[in-house]
């Protein structure tokens, strides 16, 4: 599906970013992420491999580009070193991956190795209570 608003994307200044990695096995399933972003009034992004496959424009890469959102929700992102550096400025990083040993869990504030379909209720909770309240609740 074409990315009609990729010219207006500036993930570096977004308050909330949701991004997907290679756990989405097809370009069509990326629509789940777009819907989550719409519900959260967020920008959506992707890991470098998805941009390299041409499923998403490179303007939406959330890895080494350097973003500083208040809330970054990573679904299916392994957490390679370039991605870690790129999202280091986020206030709150929530990682959801079916890979139990994914590197992203080493630097995420909240992590779950559950199915990414749980991202919707988790993200809604974070949006309602605010990132700092949820960090205190999780502690």
C-alpha atoms as a PDB file:
ATOM      1  CA  UNK A   1       0.000   0.000   0.000  1.00  0.00           C
ATOM      2  CA  UNK A   2       1.474   3.380  -0.938  1.00  0.00           C
ATOM      3  CA  UNK A   3       2.575   5.705   1.832  1.00  0.00           C
ATOM      4  CA  UNK A   4       0.703   8.853   0.831  1.00  0.00           C
ATOM      5  CA  UNK A   5       1.995  11.006   3.666  1.00  0.00           C
ATOM      6  CA  UNK A   6       5.651   9.923   3.764  1.00  0.00           C
ATOM      7  CA  UNK A   7       6.708  13.427   2.680  1.00  0.00           C
ATOM      8  CA  UNK A   8       5.216  14.787   5.929  1.00  0.00           C
ATOM      9  CA  UNK A   9       6.885  12.241   8.212  1.00  0.00           C
ATOM     10  CA  UNK A  10       9.268  13.518  10.841  1.00  0.00           C
ATOM     11  CA  UNK A  11       9.669  10.765  13.400  1.00  0.00           C
ATOM     12  CA  UNK A  12      12.408  12.719  15.172  1.00  0.00           C
ATOM     13  CA  UNK A  13       9.821  15.142  16.588  1.00  0.00           C
ATOM     14  CA  UNK A  14       6.862  12.805  17.143  1.00  0.00           C
ATOM     15  CA  UNK A  15       5.522  12.409  20.691  1.00  0.00           C
ATOM     16  CA  UNK A  16       4.487   8.790  20.112  1.00  0.00           C
ATOM     17  CA  UNK A  17       5.967   6.360  17.598  1.00  0.00           C
ATOM     18  CA  UNK A  18       4.930   2.766  16.982  1.00  0.00           C
ATOM     19  CA  UNK A  19       7.298   0.714  14.846  1.00  0.00           C
ATOM     20  CA  UNK A  20       7.453  -2.799  13.459  1.00  0.00           C
ATOM     21  CA  UNK A  21      10.290  -5.115  12.582  1.00  0.00           C
ATOM     22  CA  UNK A  22      10.582  -8.344  10.657  1.00  0.00           C
ATOM     23  CA  UNK A  23       8.062 -10.276  12.758  1.00  0.00           C
ATOM     24  CA  UNK A  24       5.443  -8.930  10.386  1.00  0.00           C
ATOM     25  CA  UNK A  25       5.803 -11.431   7.578  1.00  0.00           C
ATOM     26  CA  UNK A  26       4.075  -9.446   4.838  1.00  0.00           C
ATOM     27  CA  UNK A  27       3.581  -5.874   3.745  1.00  0.00           C
ATOM     28  CA  UNK A  28      -0.192  -6.281   4.100  1.00  0.00           C
ATOM     29  CA  UNK A  29       0.035  -7.146   7.792  1.00  0.00           C
ATOM     30  CA  UNK A  30       1.785  -3.829   8.363  1.00  0.00           C
ATOM     31  CA  UNK A  31      -1.733  -2.364   8.311  1.00  0.00           C
ATOM     32  CA  UNK A  32      -2.188  -3.537  11.918  1.00  0.00           C
ATOM     33  CA  UNK A  33       0.579  -1.173  12.919  1.00  0.00           C
ATOM     34  CA  UNK A  34      -0.928   1.700  10.951  1.00  0.00           C
ATOM     35  CA  UNK A  35      -4.241   1.146  12.728  1.00  0.00           C
ATOM     36  CA  UNK A  36      -2.552   1.150  16.130  1.00  0.00           C
ATOM     37  CA  UNK A  37      -0.794   4.395  15.230  1.00  0.00           C
ATOM     38  CA  UNK A  38      -4.114   5.945  14.219  1.00  0.00           C
ATOM     39  CA  UNK A  39      -5.758   4.898  17.511  1.00  0.00           C
ATOM     40  CA  UNK A  40      -2.883   6.445  19.477  1.00  0.00           C
ATOM     41  CA  UNK A  41      -2.565   9.575  17.320  1.00  0.00           C
ATOM     42  CA  UNK A  42       0.995   8.407  16.759  1.00  0.00           C
ATOM     43  CA  UNK A  43       3.419   8.231  13.867  1.00  0.00           C
ATOM     44  CA  UNK A  44       4.310   4.791  12.593  1.00  0.00           C
ATOM     45  CA  UNK A  45       7.754   3.602  11.711  1.00  0.00           C
ATOM     46  CA  UNK A  46       9.714   0.515  10.864  1.00  0.00           C
ATOM     47  CA  UNK A  47      13.049  -1.160  11.349  1.00  0.00           C
ATOM     48  CA  UNK A  48      15.691  -0.891   8.651  1.00  0.00           C
ATOM     49  CA  UNK A  49      14.985  -4.326   7.107  1.00  0.00           C
ATOM     50  CA  UNK A  50      11.365  -3.404   6.324  1.00  0.00           C
ATOM     51  CA  UNK A  51      12.488  -0.240   4.549  1.00  0.00           C
ATOM     52  CA  UNK A  52      15.120  -2.231   2.670  1.00  0.00           C
ATOM     53  CA  UNK A  53      12.406  -4.634   1.483  1.00  0.00           C
ATOM     54  CA  UNK A  54      10.485  -1.631   0.162  1.00  0.00           C
ATOM     55  CA  UNK A  55       7.432  -2.298   2.358  1.00  0.00           C
ATOM     56  CA  UNK A  56       7.766   1.124   3.996  1.00  0.00           C
ATOM     57  CA  UNK A  57       9.606   4.243   2.868  1.00  0.00           C
ATOM     58  CA  UNK A  58      12.995   4.991   4.388  1.00  0.00           C
ATOM     59  CA  UNK A  59      11.498   8.190   5.859  1.00  0.00           C
ATOM     60  CA  UNK A  60       9.783   5.946   8.411  1.00  0.00           C
ATOM     61  CA  UNK A  61      12.906   4.167   9.673  1.00  0.00           C
ATOM     62  CA  UNK A  62      13.049   4.406  13.447  1.00  0.00           C
ATOM     63  CA  UNK A  63      16.468   2.860  13.939  1.00  0.00           C
ATOM     64  CA  UNK A  64      19.695   4.734  13.378  1.00  0.00           C
ATOM     65  CA  UNK A  65      17.849   7.908  12.367  1.00  0.00           C
ATOM     66  CA  UNK A  66      17.633   9.147  15.964  1.00  0.00           C
ATOM     67  CA  UNK A  67      14.163   9.701  17.419  1.00  0.00           C
ATOM     68  CA  UNK A  68      13.136  11.159  20.798  1.00  0.00           C
ATOM     69  CA  UNK A  69       9.463  10.370  21.378  1.00  0.00           C
ATOM     70  CA  UNK A  70       7.821  10.378  24.773  1.00  0.00           C
ATOM     71  CA  UNK A  71       6.608   6.848  23.980  1.00  0.00           C
ATOM     72  CA  UNK A  72       8.186   4.382  21.533  1.00  0.00           C
ATOM     73  CA  UNK A  73       6.378   1.087  20.993  1.00  0.00           C
ATOM     74  CA  UNK A  74       8.483  -1.495  19.185  1.00  0.00           C
ATOM     75  CA  UNK A  75       6.755  -4.613  17.929  1.00  0.00           C
ATOM     76  CA  UNK A  76       8.769  -7.364  16.343  1.00  0.00           C
ATOM     77  CA  UNK A  77      12.023  -5.390  16.455  1.00  0.00           C
ATOM     78  CA  UNK A  78      15.096  -7.354  17.509  1.00  0.00           C
ATOM     79  CA  UNK A  79      17.020  -4.362  18.861  1.00  0.00           C
ATOM     80  CA  UNK A  80      20.195  -4.421  16.796  1.00  0.00           C
ATOM     81  CA  UNK A  81      22.837  -1.916  17.870  1.00  0.00           C
ATOM     82  CA  UNK A  82      21.892   0.685  15.232  1.00  0.00           C
ATOM     83  CA  UNK A  83      18.274   0.552  16.365  1.00  0.00           C
ATOM     84  CA  UNK A  84      19.313   0.889  19.981  1.00  0.00           C
ATOM     85  CA  UNK A  85      21.325   4.007  19.204  1.00  0.00           C
ATOM     86  CA  UNK A  86      18.481   5.444  17.133  1.00  0.00           C
ATOM     87  CA  UNK A  87      15.800   5.177  19.822  1.00  0.00           C
ATOM     88  CA  UNK A  88      18.040   5.924  22.781  1.00  0.00           C
ATOM     89  CA  UNK A  89      16.407   9.331  23.310  1.00  0.00           C
ATOM     90  CA  UNK A  90      12.903   7.952  23.909  1.00  0.00           C
ATOM     91  CA  UNK A  91      11.421   8.638  27.360  1.00  0.00           C
ATOM     92  CA  UNK A  92       9.676   5.253  27.461  1.00  0.00           C
ATOM     93  CA  UNK A  93      10.408   2.232  25.265  1.00  0.00           C
ATOM     94  CA  UNK A  94       7.861  -0.590  25.185  1.00  0.00           C
ATOM     95  CA  UNK A  95       9.028  -3.706  23.364  1.00  0.00           C
ATOM     96  CA  UNK A  96       6.842  -6.582  22.227  1.00  0.00           C
ATOM     97  CA  UNK A  97       8.520  -9.490  20.485  1.00  0.00           C
ATOM     98  CA  UNK A  98       7.967 -13.213  20.208  1.00  0.00           C
ATOM     99  CA  UNK A  99      11.760 -13.635  20.435  1.00  0.00           C
ATOM    100  CA  UNK A 100      12.294 -14.227  24.147  1.00  0.00           C
ATOM    101  CA  UNK A 101      15.984 -13.316  23.913  1.00  0.00           C
ATOM    102  CA  UNK A 102      15.656 -10.282  21.641  1.00  0.00           C
ATOM    103  CA  UNK A 103      18.308  -7.638  22.336  1.00  0.00           C
ATOM    104  CA  UNK A 104      15.636  -4.948  22.559  1.00  0.00           C
ATOM    105  CA  UNK A 105      14.623  -6.288  25.974  1.00  0.00           C
ATOM    106  CA  UNK A 106      18.027  -5.218  27.309  1.00  0.00           C
ATOM    107  CA  UNK A 107      17.196  -1.517  26.884  1.00  0.00           C
ATOM    108  CA  UNK A 108      13.399  -1.354  26.789  1.00  0.00           C
ATOM    109  CA  UNK A 109      11.699   0.039  29.901  1.00  0.00           C
ATOM    110  CA  UNK A 110       8.783  -2.381  29.522  1.00  0.00           C
ATOM    111  CA  UNK A 111       9.004  -5.611  27.559  1.00  0.00           C
ATOM    112  CA  UNK A 112       6.824  -8.554  26.705  1.00  0.00           C
ATOM    113  CA  UNK A 113       7.597 -11.659  24.707  1.00  0.00           C
ATOM    114  CA  UNK A 114       3.884 -12.057  24.055  1.00  0.00           C
ATOM    115  CA  UNK A 115       2.077 -11.920  20.759  1.00  0.00           C
ATOM    116  CA  UNK A 116       2.111  -8.462  19.166  1.00  0.00           C
ATOM    117  CA  UNK A 117      -1.684  -8.434  19.142  1.00  0.00           C
ATOM    118  CA  UNK A 118      -1.370  -7.504  22.812  1.00  0.00           C
ATOM    119  CA  UNK A 119       0.219  -4.249  21.679  1.00  0.00           C
ATOM    120  CA  UNK A 120      -3.164  -2.603  21.229  1.00  0.00           C
ATOM    121  CA  UNK A 121      -4.420  -2.893  24.836  1.00  0.00           C
ATOM    122  CA  UNK A 122      -0.932  -2.249  26.246  1.00  0.00           C
ATOM    123  CA  UNK A 123      -0.497   0.840  24.123  1.00  0.00           C
ATOM    124  CA  UNK A 124      -3.962   2.106  25.001  1.00  0.00           C
ATOM    125  CA  UNK A 125      -3.132   1.775  28.705  1.00  0.00           C
ATOM    126  CA  UNK A 126       0.111   3.689  28.252  1.00  0.00           C
ATOM    127  CA  UNK A 127      -1.656   6.433  26.339  1.00  0.00           C
ATOM    128  CA  UNK A 128      -4.348   6.795  29.026  1.00  0.00           C
ATOM    129  CA  UNK A 129      -2.124   6.787  32.108  1.00  0.00           C
ATOM    130  CA  UNK A 130       0.854   8.537  30.531  1.00  0.00           C
ATOM    131  CA  UNK A 131       4.348   7.126  30.195  1.00  0.00           C
ATOM    132  CA  UNK A 132       5.694   8.221  33.575  1.00  0.00           C
ATOM    133  CA  UNK A 133       2.703   6.893  35.530  1.00  0.00           C
ATOM    134  CA  UNK A 134       3.027   3.532  33.850  1.00  0.00           C
ATOM    135  CA  UNK A 135       6.717   3.288  34.619  1.00  0.00           C
ATOM    136  CA  UNK A 136       5.894   3.825  38.287  1.00  0.00           C
ATOM    137  CA  UNK A 137       3.131   1.202  38.108  1.00  0.00           C
ATOM    138  CA  UNK A 138       5.487  -1.308  36.492  1.00  0.00           C
ATOM    139  CA  UNK A 139       8.231  -0.784  39.078  1.00  0.00           C
END
